[in-house]
Amino acid sequence: MALAHALLASLIKQSCSGYDLSKQFNSSVGFFWKASQQQIYRELSKLETEGWVSAEIVCQQGRPDKKLYQVTELGQKQLTQWIAQPCELSPIRDDLLVKIFAGSVVEPQVIVEELEHHRELHQQRLAVYRDLEQQYFNNGQDLSPEAKFRYITLKRGISDETSWLAWCEEAIALCSSS
């Protein structure tokens, strides 16, 4: 997936300024696709050049004008075609796994501490996901088609974090045993 598709997916239902899109992105798509505000603005410019989004200039009193971006018919067609294409498995690039792979060169406690740190991070992320589930999705009941697909995405995040936590516990136990 390219950032372009993540931005098209974020803009498909409503137009947005680059600033608002960046804020929205970080609290939704940003959970599984990272992009800085600079990257988002650069990509929006490319999408506009490609004709996949258009921008409307909105005058603001006392502040700089802002651009409201919206997906064009061509952009929607591109997103639809991309969604219909099969995905490859995403490559795993994980610093923690490399550290653990080479863990025999340090005291086990070094790895245990790193695992405990990651366990805490994954507990925090799981708590955020659970809060989102409770706040927006009513445990999957009576969801609109759009909400259903967002809920499915969130459930994947919950599953990933739950799996990470179980793996961290198992790895800590193995590292701590003599």
N, C-alpha and C. Protein backbone atom coordinates (compact mmCIF):
# COMPACT_ATOMS: atom_id res chain seq x y z
N MET A 1 0.85 -1.18 0.00
CA MET A 1 0.00 0.00 0.00
C MET A 1 0.89 1.23 0.00
N ALA A 2 0.44 2.20 -0.67
CA ALA A 2 1.15 3.47 -0.67
C ALA A 2 0.37 4.47 0.18
N LEU A 3 1.07 5.47 0.62
CA LEU A 3 0.43 6.54 1.39
C LEU A 3 -0.74 7.13 0.60
N ALA A 4 -0.59 7.18 -0.72
CA ALA A 4 -1.66 7.72 -1.56
C ALA A 4 -2.99 7.03 -1.29
N HIS A 5 -2.98 5.72 -1.19
CA HIS A 5 -4.22 4.97 -0.96
C HIS A 5 -4.77 5.21 0.44
N ALA A 6 -3.88 5.33 1.40
CA ALA A 6 -4.33 5.62 2.77
C ALA A 6 -5.00 6.99 2.82
N LEU A 7 -4.46 7.96 2.09
CA LEU A 7 -5.07 9.29 2.07
C LEU A 7 -6.39 9.29 1.32
N LEU A 8 -6.44 8.59 0.19
CA LEU A 8 -7.71 8.48 -0.54
C LEU A 8 -8.78 7.84 0.35
N ALA A 9 -8.41 6.79 1.06
CA ALA A 9 -9.36 6.12 1.96
C ALA A 9 -9.84 7.06 3.06
N SER A 10 -8.96 7.92 3.53
CA SER A 10 -9.32 8.86 4.59
C SER A 10 -10.21 9.99 4.08
N LEU A 11 -10.06 10.34 2.81
CA LEU A 11 -10.81 11.46 2.24
C LEU A 11 -12.09 11.03 1.52
N ILE A 12 -12.31 9.74 1.37
CA ILE A 12 -13.38 9.26 0.50
C ILE A 12 -14.77 9.73 0.94
N LYS A 13 -14.99 9.89 2.23
CA LYS A 13 -16.32 10.25 2.73
C LYS A 13 -16.51 11.74 2.94
N GLN A 14 -15.42 12.47 3.17
CA GLN A 14 -15.57 13.91 3.41
C GLN A 14 -14.31 14.66 3.02
N SER A 15 -14.50 15.88 2.57
CA SER A 15 -13.34 16.71 2.24
C SER A 15 -12.69 17.19 3.54
N CYS A 16 -11.42 17.51 3.43
CA CYS A 16 -10.65 17.84 4.63
C CYS A 16 -9.47 18.72 4.25
N SER A 17 -9.06 19.57 5.16
CA SER A 17 -7.81 20.32 4.96
C SER A 17 -6.64 19.38 5.24
N GLY A 18 -5.48 19.74 4.77
CA GLY A 18 -4.29 18.92 5.04
C GLY A 18 -4.03 18.79 6.52
N TYR A 19 -4.20 19.89 7.24
CA TYR A 19 -3.98 19.88 8.69
C TYR A 19 -4.97 18.95 9.39
N ASP A 20 -6.26 19.09 9.06
CA ASP A 20 -7.27 18.23 9.68
C ASP A 20 -7.08 16.77 9.29
N LEU A 21 -6.70 16.56 8.03
CA LEU A 21 -6.44 15.19 7.58
C LEU A 21 -5.29 14.57 8.37
N SER A 22 -4.26 15.35 8.61
CA SER A 22 -3.11 14.86 9.38
C SER A 22 -3.54 14.47 10.79
N LYS A 23 -4.33 15.31 11.44
CA LYS A 23 -4.82 15.01 12.79
C LYS A 23 -5.71 13.76 12.78
N GLN A 24 -6.62 13.71 11.83
CA GLN A 24 -7.54 12.57 11.71
C GLN A 24 -6.76 11.30 11.40
N PHE A 25 -5.79 11.42 10.52
CA PHE A 25 -4.98 10.29 10.09
C PHE A 25 -4.30 9.64 11.29
N ASN A 26 -3.72 10.46 12.16
CA ASN A 26 -2.99 9.94 13.31
C ASN A 26 -3.87 9.20 14.29
N SER A 27 -5.16 9.48 14.30
CA SER A 27 -6.05 8.79 15.24
C SER A 27 -6.91 7.74 14.56
N SER A 28 -6.58 7.37 13.33
CA SER A 28 -7.33 6.31 12.65
C SER A 28 -6.37 5.47 11.82
N VAL A 29 -6.19 5.81 10.58
CA VAL A 29 -5.30 5.06 9.69
C VAL A 29 -3.88 5.02 10.25
N GLY A 30 -3.50 6.05 10.98
CA GLY A 30 -2.16 6.13 11.54
C GLY A 30 -1.80 5.01 12.50
N PHE A 31 -2.80 4.29 12.99
CA PHE A 31 -2.50 3.14 13.86
C PHE A 31 -1.81 2.02 13.08
N PHE A 32 -2.03 1.98 11.76
CA PHE A 32 -1.41 0.90 10.98
C PHE A 32 -0.66 1.40 9.74
N TRP A 33 -0.62 2.71 9.54
CA TRP A 33 0.18 3.28 8.45
C TRP A 33 0.71 4.62 8.92
N LYS A 34 2.00 4.68 9.16
CA LYS A 34 2.62 5.89 9.72
C LYS A 34 2.99 6.88 8.61
N ALA A 35 2.73 8.15 8.88
CA ALA A 35 3.12 9.22 7.97
C ALA A 35 3.22 10.52 8.75
N SER A 36 4.24 11.29 8.46
CA SER A 36 4.40 12.59 9.11
C SER A 36 3.50 13.61 8.40
N GLN A 37 3.31 14.74 9.04
CA GLN A 37 2.51 15.80 8.43
C GLN A 37 3.14 16.24 7.11
N GLN A 38 4.47 16.33 7.07
CA GLN A 38 5.17 16.70 5.83
C GLN A 38 4.90 15.70 4.72
N GLN A 39 4.95 14.41 5.05
CA GLN A 39 4.69 13.37 4.04
C GLN A 39 3.26 13.49 3.52
N ILE A 40 2.33 13.76 4.42
CA ILE A 40 0.92 13.88 4.02
C ILE A 40 0.75 15.05 3.06
N TYR A 41 1.32 16.20 3.38
CA TYR A 41 1.20 17.37 2.50
C TYR A 41 1.86 17.11 1.14
N ARG A 42 3.03 16.48 1.16
CA ARG A 42 3.72 16.16 -0.10
C ARG A 42 2.86 15.24 -0.96
N GLU A 43 2.28 14.23 -0.31
CA GLU A 43 1.48 13.26 -1.06
C GLU A 43 0.19 13.89 -1.57
N LEU A 44 -0.43 14.77 -0.79
CA LEU A 44 -1.63 15.47 -1.26
C LEU A 44 -1.32 16.28 -2.51
N SER A 45 -0.17 16.91 -2.54
CA SER A 45 0.24 17.67 -3.72
C SER A 45 0.37 16.75 -4.94
N LYS A 46 0.97 15.59 -4.75
CA LYS A 46 1.10 14.62 -5.85
C LYS A 46 -0.27 14.13 -6.30
N LEU A 47 -1.15 13.85 -5.34
CA LEU A 47 -2.49 13.37 -5.68
C LEU A 47 -3.26 14.43 -6.47
N GLU A 48 -3.06 15.68 -6.11
CA GLU A 48 -3.72 16.77 -6.84
C GLU A 48 -3.17 16.84 -8.27
N THR A 49 -1.86 16.70 -8.42
CA THR A 49 -1.24 16.72 -9.74
C THR A 49 -1.75 15.56 -10.60
N GLU A 50 -1.92 14.38 -9.97
CA GLU A 50 -2.42 13.20 -10.68
C GLU A 50 -3.90 13.30 -11.02
N GLY A 51 -4.60 14.24 -10.38
CA GLY A 51 -6.04 14.37 -10.60
C GLY A 51 -6.86 13.44 -9.73
N TRP A 52 -6.24 12.85 -8.72
CA TRP A 52 -6.96 11.92 -7.83
C TRP A 52 -7.69 12.66 -6.72
N VAL A 53 -7.22 13.86 -6.38
CA VAL A 53 -7.94 14.74 -5.47
C VAL A 53 -7.98 16.13 -6.09
N SER A 54 -8.98 16.89 -5.68
CA SER A 54 -9.03 18.30 -6.05
C SER A 54 -9.03 19.10 -4.76
N ALA A 55 -8.66 20.36 -4.88
CA ALA A 55 -8.59 21.20 -3.69
C ALA A 55 -9.38 22.48 -3.93
N GLU A 56 -10.13 22.86 -2.93
CA GLU A 56 -10.87 24.11 -2.95
C GLU A 56 -10.22 25.05 -1.94
N ILE A 57 -9.92 26.26 -2.36
CA ILE A 57 -9.33 27.25 -1.46
C ILE A 57 -10.45 27.89 -0.65
N VAL A 58 -10.28 27.86 0.66
CA VAL A 58 -11.25 28.47 1.57
C VAL A 58 -10.58 29.64 2.27
N CYS A 59 -11.15 30.83 2.07
CA CYS A 59 -10.61 32.03 2.71
C CYS A 59 -11.00 32.04 4.19
N GLN A 60 -10.04 32.41 5.02
CA GLN A 60 -10.28 32.50 6.46
C GLN A 60 -9.87 33.89 6.93
N GLN A 61 -10.70 34.50 7.73
CA GLN A 61 -10.36 35.83 8.23
C GLN A 61 -9.32 35.74 9.33
N GLY A 62 -8.28 36.53 9.18
CA GLY A 62 -7.24 36.59 10.20
C GLY A 62 -6.30 35.40 10.20
N ARG A 63 -6.51 34.46 9.29
CA ARG A 63 -5.63 33.29 9.19
C ARG A 63 -5.36 33.01 7.72
N PRO A 64 -4.31 32.26 7.44
CA PRO A 64 -4.04 31.93 6.04
C PRO A 64 -5.19 31.11 5.43
N ASP A 65 -5.36 31.25 4.12
CA ASP A 65 -6.36 30.44 3.43
C ASP A 65 -6.01 28.97 3.61
N LYS A 66 -7.02 28.12 3.53
CA LYS A 66 -6.74 26.69 3.62
C LYS A 66 -7.31 25.98 2.40
N LYS A 67 -6.73 24.84 2.10
CA LYS A 67 -7.19 24.01 1.00
C LYS A 67 -8.03 22.88 1.57
N LEU A 68 -9.21 22.69 1.02
CA LEU A 68 -10.03 21.53 1.36
C LEU A 68 -9.88 20.51 0.24
N TYR A 69 -9.38 19.35 0.56
CA TYR A 69 -9.15 18.30 -0.43
C TYR A 69 -10.33 17.36 -0.47
N GLN A 70 -10.66 16.92 -1.69
CA GLN A 70 -11.69 15.89 -1.84
C GLN A 70 -11.28 14.94 -2.96
N VAL A 71 -11.74 13.72 -2.84
CA VAL A 71 -11.40 12.69 -3.83
C VAL A 71 -12.20 12.95 -5.11
N THR A 72 -11.53 12.91 -6.24
CA THR A 72 -12.19 13.06 -7.53
C THR A 72 -12.74 11.71 -7.99
N GLU A 73 -13.47 11.73 -9.09
CA GLU A 73 -13.97 10.49 -9.67
C GLU A 73 -12.80 9.58 -10.05
N LEU A 74 -11.75 10.18 -10.60
CA LEU A 74 -10.55 9.41 -10.97
C LEU A 74 -9.89 8.81 -9.73
N GLY A 75 -9.83 9.57 -8.64
CA GLY A 75 -9.26 9.07 -7.39
C GLY A 75 -10.08 7.94 -6.81
N GLN A 76 -11.40 8.06 -6.89
CA GLN A 76 -12.26 6.98 -6.39
C GLN A 76 -12.08 5.72 -7.23
N LYS A 77 -11.94 5.90 -8.54
CA LYS A 77 -11.71 4.76 -9.43
C LYS A 77 -10.38 4.09 -9.08
N GLN A 78 -9.35 4.88 -8.85
CA GLN A 78 -8.04 4.35 -8.48
C GLN A 78 -8.11 3.57 -7.17
N LEU A 79 -8.80 4.13 -6.18
CA LEU A 79 -8.94 3.46 -4.89
C LEU A 79 -9.70 2.15 -5.04
N THR A 80 -10.78 2.17 -5.81
CA THR A 80 -11.58 0.97 -6.03
C THR A 80 -10.76 -0.12 -6.71
N GLN A 81 -9.98 0.26 -7.73
CA GLN A 81 -9.13 -0.72 -8.42
C GLN A 81 -8.07 -1.28 -7.49
N TRP A 82 -7.49 -0.42 -6.68
CA TRP A 82 -6.45 -0.86 -5.74
C TRP A 82 -7.03 -1.84 -4.71
N ILE A 83 -8.22 -1.54 -4.19
CA ILE A 83 -8.85 -2.43 -3.21
C ILE A 83 -9.11 -3.81 -3.81
N ALA A 84 -9.46 -3.86 -5.09
CA ALA A 84 -9.78 -5.13 -5.75
C ALA A 84 -8.54 -5.98 -6.04
N GLN A 85 -7.35 -5.39 -5.98
CA GLN A 85 -6.13 -6.15 -6.25
C GLN A 85 -5.73 -6.95 -5.02
N PRO A 86 -5.27 -8.19 -5.21
CA PRO A 86 -4.81 -8.98 -4.06
C PRO A 86 -3.58 -8.34 -3.41
N CYS A 87 -3.49 -8.47 -2.11
CA CYS A 87 -2.35 -7.93 -1.35
C CYS A 87 -1.31 -9.03 -1.14
N GLU A 88 -0.07 -8.63 -1.15
CA GLU A 88 1.01 -9.52 -0.75
C GLU A 88 1.14 -9.46 0.77
N LEU A 89 1.77 -10.46 1.35
CA LEU A 89 2.06 -10.39 2.77
C LEU A 89 3.04 -9.25 3.01
N SER A 90 2.79 -8.48 4.05
CA SER A 90 3.70 -7.38 4.38
C SER A 90 4.97 -7.96 4.98
N PRO A 91 6.12 -7.45 4.57
CA PRO A 91 7.37 -7.95 5.16
C PRO A 91 7.46 -7.53 6.63
N ILE A 92 8.07 -8.40 7.43
CA ILE A 92 8.28 -8.08 8.84
C ILE A 92 9.64 -7.42 8.97
N ARG A 93 9.64 -6.25 9.57
CA ARG A 93 10.89 -5.54 9.88
C ARG A 93 10.74 -5.09 11.32
N ASP A 94 11.32 -5.84 12.23
CA ASP A 94 11.09 -5.60 13.65
C ASP A 94 12.41 -5.62 14.41
N ASP A 95 12.80 -4.46 14.92
CA ASP A 95 14.05 -4.35 15.67
C ASP A 95 14.07 -5.29 16.87
N LEU A 96 12.94 -5.40 17.56
CA LEU A 96 12.87 -6.25 18.74
C LEU A 96 13.21 -7.70 18.39
N LEU A 97 12.69 -8.19 17.29
CA LEU A 97 12.97 -9.58 16.90
C LEU A 97 14.44 -9.78 16.57
N VAL A 98 15.08 -8.80 15.97
CA VAL A 98 16.51 -8.90 15.69
C VAL A 98 17.30 -8.93 17.00
N LYS A 99 16.91 -8.07 17.95
CA LYS A 99 17.58 -8.06 19.26
C LYS A 99 17.44 -9.42 19.94
N ILE A 100 16.25 -9.98 19.90
CA ILE A 100 16.03 -11.27 20.55
C ILE A 100 16.79 -12.37 19.82
N PHE A 101 16.80 -12.31 18.51
CA PHE A 101 17.54 -13.29 17.72
C PHE A 101 19.01 -13.34 18.14
N ALA A 102 19.56 -12.16 18.45
CA ALA A 102 20.97 -12.07 18.87
C ALA A 102 21.10 -11.97 20.39
N GLY A 103 20.04 -12.30 21.11
CA GLY A 103 19.99 -12.12 22.55
C GLY A 103 21.02 -12.88 23.35
N SER A 104 21.59 -13.92 22.78
CA SER A 104 22.57 -14.72 23.53
C SER A 104 23.86 -13.96 23.81
N VAL A 105 24.06 -12.82 23.18
CA VAL A 105 25.30 -12.07 23.40
C VAL A 105 25.20 -11.11 24.58
N VAL A 106 24.04 -11.03 25.23
CA VAL A 106 23.86 -10.18 26.42
C VAL A 106 23.26 -11.03 27.54
N GLU A 107 23.25 -10.48 28.71
CA GLU A 107 22.60 -11.17 29.83
C GLU A 107 21.10 -11.26 29.55
N PRO A 108 20.47 -12.37 29.92
CA PRO A 108 19.03 -12.52 29.67
C PRO A 108 18.19 -11.36 30.21
N GLN A 109 18.63 -10.76 31.32
CA GLN A 109 17.86 -9.67 31.92
C GLN A 109 17.72 -8.47 30.97
N VAL A 110 18.71 -8.26 30.11
CA VAL A 110 18.65 -7.16 29.14
C VAL A 110 17.46 -7.38 28.20
N ILE A 111 17.32 -8.60 27.74
CA ILE A 111 16.20 -8.93 26.84
C ILE A 111 14.88 -8.88 27.61
N VAL A 112 14.88 -9.39 28.83
CA VAL A 112 13.66 -9.36 29.65
C VAL A 112 13.18 -7.92 29.82
N GLU A 113 14.10 -7.01 30.11
CA GLU A 113 13.73 -5.60 30.29
C GLU A 113 13.14 -5.01 29.00
N GLU A 114 13.73 -5.37 27.89
CA GLU A 114 13.21 -4.89 26.60
C GLU A 114 11.81 -5.47 26.36
N LEU A 115 11.63 -6.74 26.66
CA LEU A 115 10.32 -7.36 26.51
C LEU A 115 9.28 -6.73 27.44
N GLU A 116 9.68 -6.44 28.66
CA GLU A 116 8.77 -5.79 29.60
C GLU A 116 8.36 -4.40 29.10
N HIS A 117 9.32 -3.71 28.52
CA HIS A 117 9.02 -2.39 27.94
C HIS A 117 7.99 -2.53 26.81
N HIS A 118 8.21 -3.48 25.93
CA HIS A 118 7.28 -3.71 24.82
C HIS A 118 5.92 -4.18 25.32
N ARG A 119 5.92 -4.99 26.35
CA ARG A 119 4.65 -5.43 26.93
C ARG A 119 3.84 -4.22 27.39
N GLU A 120 4.51 -3.29 28.04
CA GLU A 120 3.83 -2.08 28.51
C GLU A 120 3.29 -1.26 27.34
N LEU A 121 4.09 -1.10 26.29
CA LEU A 121 3.64 -0.35 25.11
C LEU A 121 2.43 -1.00 24.47
N HIS A 122 2.45 -2.32 24.36
CA HIS A 122 1.33 -3.03 23.75
C HIS A 122 0.10 -3.01 24.64
N GLN A 123 0.29 -3.02 25.95
CA GLN A 123 -0.85 -2.87 26.87
C GLN A 123 -1.50 -1.50 26.68
N GLN A 124 -0.68 -0.48 26.53
CA GLN A 124 -1.21 0.88 26.32
C GLN A 124 -1.98 0.97 25.01
N ARG A 125 -1.42 0.41 23.96
CA ARG A 125 -2.10 0.47 22.66
C ARG A 125 -3.40 -0.34 22.70
N LEU A 126 -3.37 -1.50 23.35
CA LEU A 126 -4.59 -2.29 23.47
C LEU A 126 -5.66 -1.51 24.22
N ALA A 127 -5.27 -0.79 25.25
CA ALA A 127 -6.23 0.02 26.01
C ALA A 127 -6.86 1.09 25.12
N VAL A 128 -6.06 1.71 24.26
CA VAL A 128 -6.59 2.71 23.32
C VAL A 128 -7.59 2.05 22.38
N TYR A 129 -7.24 0.89 21.84
CA TYR A 129 -8.14 0.18 20.93
C TYR A 129 -9.44 -0.22 21.62
N ARG A 130 -9.33 -0.71 22.84
CA ARG A 130 -10.54 -1.09 23.59
C ARG A 130 -11.43 0.13 23.85
N ASP A 131 -10.80 1.26 24.17
CA ASP A 131 -11.57 2.50 24.36
C ASP A 131 -12.30 2.89 23.07
N LEU A 132 -11.61 2.80 21.94
CA LEU A 132 -12.24 3.10 20.65
C LEU A 132 -13.40 2.15 20.37
N GLU A 133 -13.19 0.89 20.67
CA GLU A 133 -14.24 -0.11 20.46
C GLU A 133 -15.48 0.24 21.28
N GLN A 134 -15.27 0.57 22.52
CA GLN A 134 -16.38 0.89 23.41
C GLN A 134 -17.05 2.21 23.02
N GLN A 135 -16.24 3.19 22.64
CA GLN A 135 -16.76 4.52 22.34
C GLN A 135 -17.53 4.57 21.02
N TYR A 136 -17.06 3.84 20.00
CA TYR A 136 -17.62 4.02 18.66
C TYR A 136 -18.36 2.82 18.08
N PHE A 137 -18.17 1.64 18.62
CA PHE A 137 -18.65 0.48 17.87
C PHE A 137 -19.66 -0.40 18.58
N ASN A 138 -20.08 -0.09 19.77
CA ASN A 138 -21.16 -0.82 20.42
C ASN A 138 -20.98 -2.33 20.29
N ASN A 139 -19.73 -2.78 20.43
CA ASN A 139 -19.39 -4.21 20.34
C ASN A 139 -19.86 -4.86 19.04
N GLY A 140 -19.83 -4.09 17.96
CA GLY A 140 -20.15 -4.64 16.65
C GLY A 140 -21.62 -4.74 16.32
N GLN A 141 -22.48 -4.20 17.15
CA GLN A 141 -23.92 -4.30 16.93
C GLN A 141 -24.44 -3.11 16.12
N ASP A 142 -25.35 -3.37 15.18
CA ASP A 142 -26.05 -2.33 14.42
C ASP A 142 -25.10 -1.31 13.79
N LEU A 143 -24.12 -1.79 13.05
CA LEU A 143 -23.14 -0.90 12.43
C LEU A 143 -23.51 -0.60 10.98
N SER A 144 -23.25 0.63 10.56
CA SER A 144 -23.39 0.98 9.15
C SER A 144 -22.32 0.22 8.37
N PRO A 145 -22.46 0.10 7.04
CA PRO A 145 -21.41 -0.58 6.28
C PRO A 145 -20.03 0.04 6.50
N GLU A 146 -19.94 1.37 6.52
CA GLU A 146 -18.65 2.02 6.75
C GLU A 146 -18.11 1.68 8.13
N ALA A 147 -18.96 1.76 9.14
CA ALA A 147 -18.52 1.46 10.51
C ALA A 147 -18.12 -0.01 10.65
N LYS A 148 -18.82 -0.88 9.94
CA LYS A 148 -18.50 -2.31 10.03
C LYS A 148 -17.06 -2.58 9.58
N PHE A 149 -16.65 -1.96 8.47
CA PHE A 149 -15.30 -2.19 7.97
C PHE A 149 -14.25 -1.53 8.86
N ARG A 150 -14.58 -0.42 9.44
CA ARG A 150 -13.66 0.20 10.40
C ARG A 150 -13.55 -0.66 11.66
N TYR A 151 -14.66 -1.25 12.06
CA TYR A 151 -14.65 -2.13 13.23
C TYR A 151 -13.81 -3.38 12.96
N ILE A 152 -13.94 -3.94 11.78
CA ILE A 152 -13.13 -5.11 11.41
C ILE A 152 -11.65 -4.75 11.48
N THR A 153 -11.29 -3.56 11.02
CA THR A 153 -9.91 -3.09 11.08
C THR A 153 -9.46 -2.97 12.53
N LEU A 154 -10.30 -2.39 13.37
CA LEU A 154 -9.98 -2.24 14.79
C LEU A 154 -9.83 -3.60 15.46
N LYS A 155 -10.71 -4.55 15.11
CA LYS A 155 -10.62 -5.89 15.70
C LYS A 155 -9.28 -6.55 15.35
N ARG A 156 -8.76 -6.28 14.17
CA ARG A 156 -7.44 -6.81 13.80
C ARG A 156 -6.38 -6.21 14.72
N GLY A 157 -6.47 -4.91 14.99
CA GLY A 157 -5.52 -4.28 15.90
C GLY A 157 -5.61 -4.86 17.30
N ILE A 158 -6.82 -5.11 17.77
CA ILE A 158 -7.03 -5.71 19.10
C ILE A 158 -6.42 -7.11 19.12
N SER A 159 -6.65 -7.87 18.07
CA SER A 159 -6.10 -9.22 17.97
C SER A 159 -4.57 -9.19 17.96
N ASP A 160 -3.99 -8.27 17.19
CA ASP A 160 -2.53 -8.15 17.14
C ASP A 160 -1.95 -7.83 18.52
N GLU A 161 -2.56 -6.87 19.20
CA GLU A 161 -2.04 -6.47 20.51
C GLU A 161 -2.20 -7.59 21.54
N THR A 162 -3.31 -8.29 21.49
CA THR A 162 -3.53 -9.42 22.40
C THR A 162 -2.48 -10.50 22.15
N SER A 163 -2.22 -10.76 20.88
CA SER A 163 -1.20 -11.75 20.51
C SER A 163 0.19 -11.30 20.97
N TRP A 164 0.51 -10.03 20.78
CA TRP A 164 1.80 -9.50 21.24
C TRP A 164 1.97 -9.69 22.74
N LEU A 165 0.91 -9.39 23.48
CA LEU A 165 1.00 -9.52 24.94
C LEU A 165 1.23 -10.96 25.36
N ALA A 166 0.52 -11.90 24.73
CA ALA A 166 0.71 -13.32 25.06
C ALA A 166 2.14 -13.75 24.71
N TRP A 167 2.63 -13.31 23.55
CA TRP A 167 3.99 -13.66 23.15
C TRP A 167 5.01 -13.05 24.10
N CYS A 168 4.82 -11.80 24.52
CA CYS A 168 5.74 -11.16 25.47
C CYS A 168 5.81 -11.96 26.77
N GLU A 169 4.66 -12.38 27.27
CA GLU A 169 4.63 -13.17 28.51
C GLU A 169 5.40 -14.47 28.34
N GLU A 170 5.16 -15.14 27.22
CA GLU A 170 5.86 -16.41 26.95
C GLU A 170 7.37 -16.18 26.82
N ALA A 171 7.75 -15.13 26.09
CA ALA A 171 9.18 -14.85 25.88
C ALA A 171 9.86 -14.47 27.19
N ILE A 172 9.20 -13.68 28.02
CA ILE A 172 9.76 -13.30 29.32
C ILE A 172 9.97 -14.55 30.18
N ALA A 173 8.99 -15.44 30.18
CA ALA A 173 9.10 -16.68 30.96
C ALA A 173 10.27 -17.53 30.46
N LEU A 174 10.41 -17.65 29.15
CA LEU A 174 11.52 -18.44 28.59
C LEU A 174 12.87 -17.81 28.91
N CYS A 175 12.97 -16.50 28.80
CA CYS A 175 14.24 -15.82 29.09
C CYS A 175 14.59 -15.89 30.58
N SER A 176 13.58 -15.93 31.42
CA SER A 176 13.80 -15.93 32.87
C SER A 176 14.09 -17.31 33.43
N SER A 177 13.77 -18.36 32.67
CA SER A 177 14.03 -19.72 33.17
C SER A 177 15.50 -20.06 33.00
N SER A 178 15.99 -20.91 33.91
CA SER A 178 17.42 -21.24 33.84
C SER A 178 17.69 -22.36 32.90
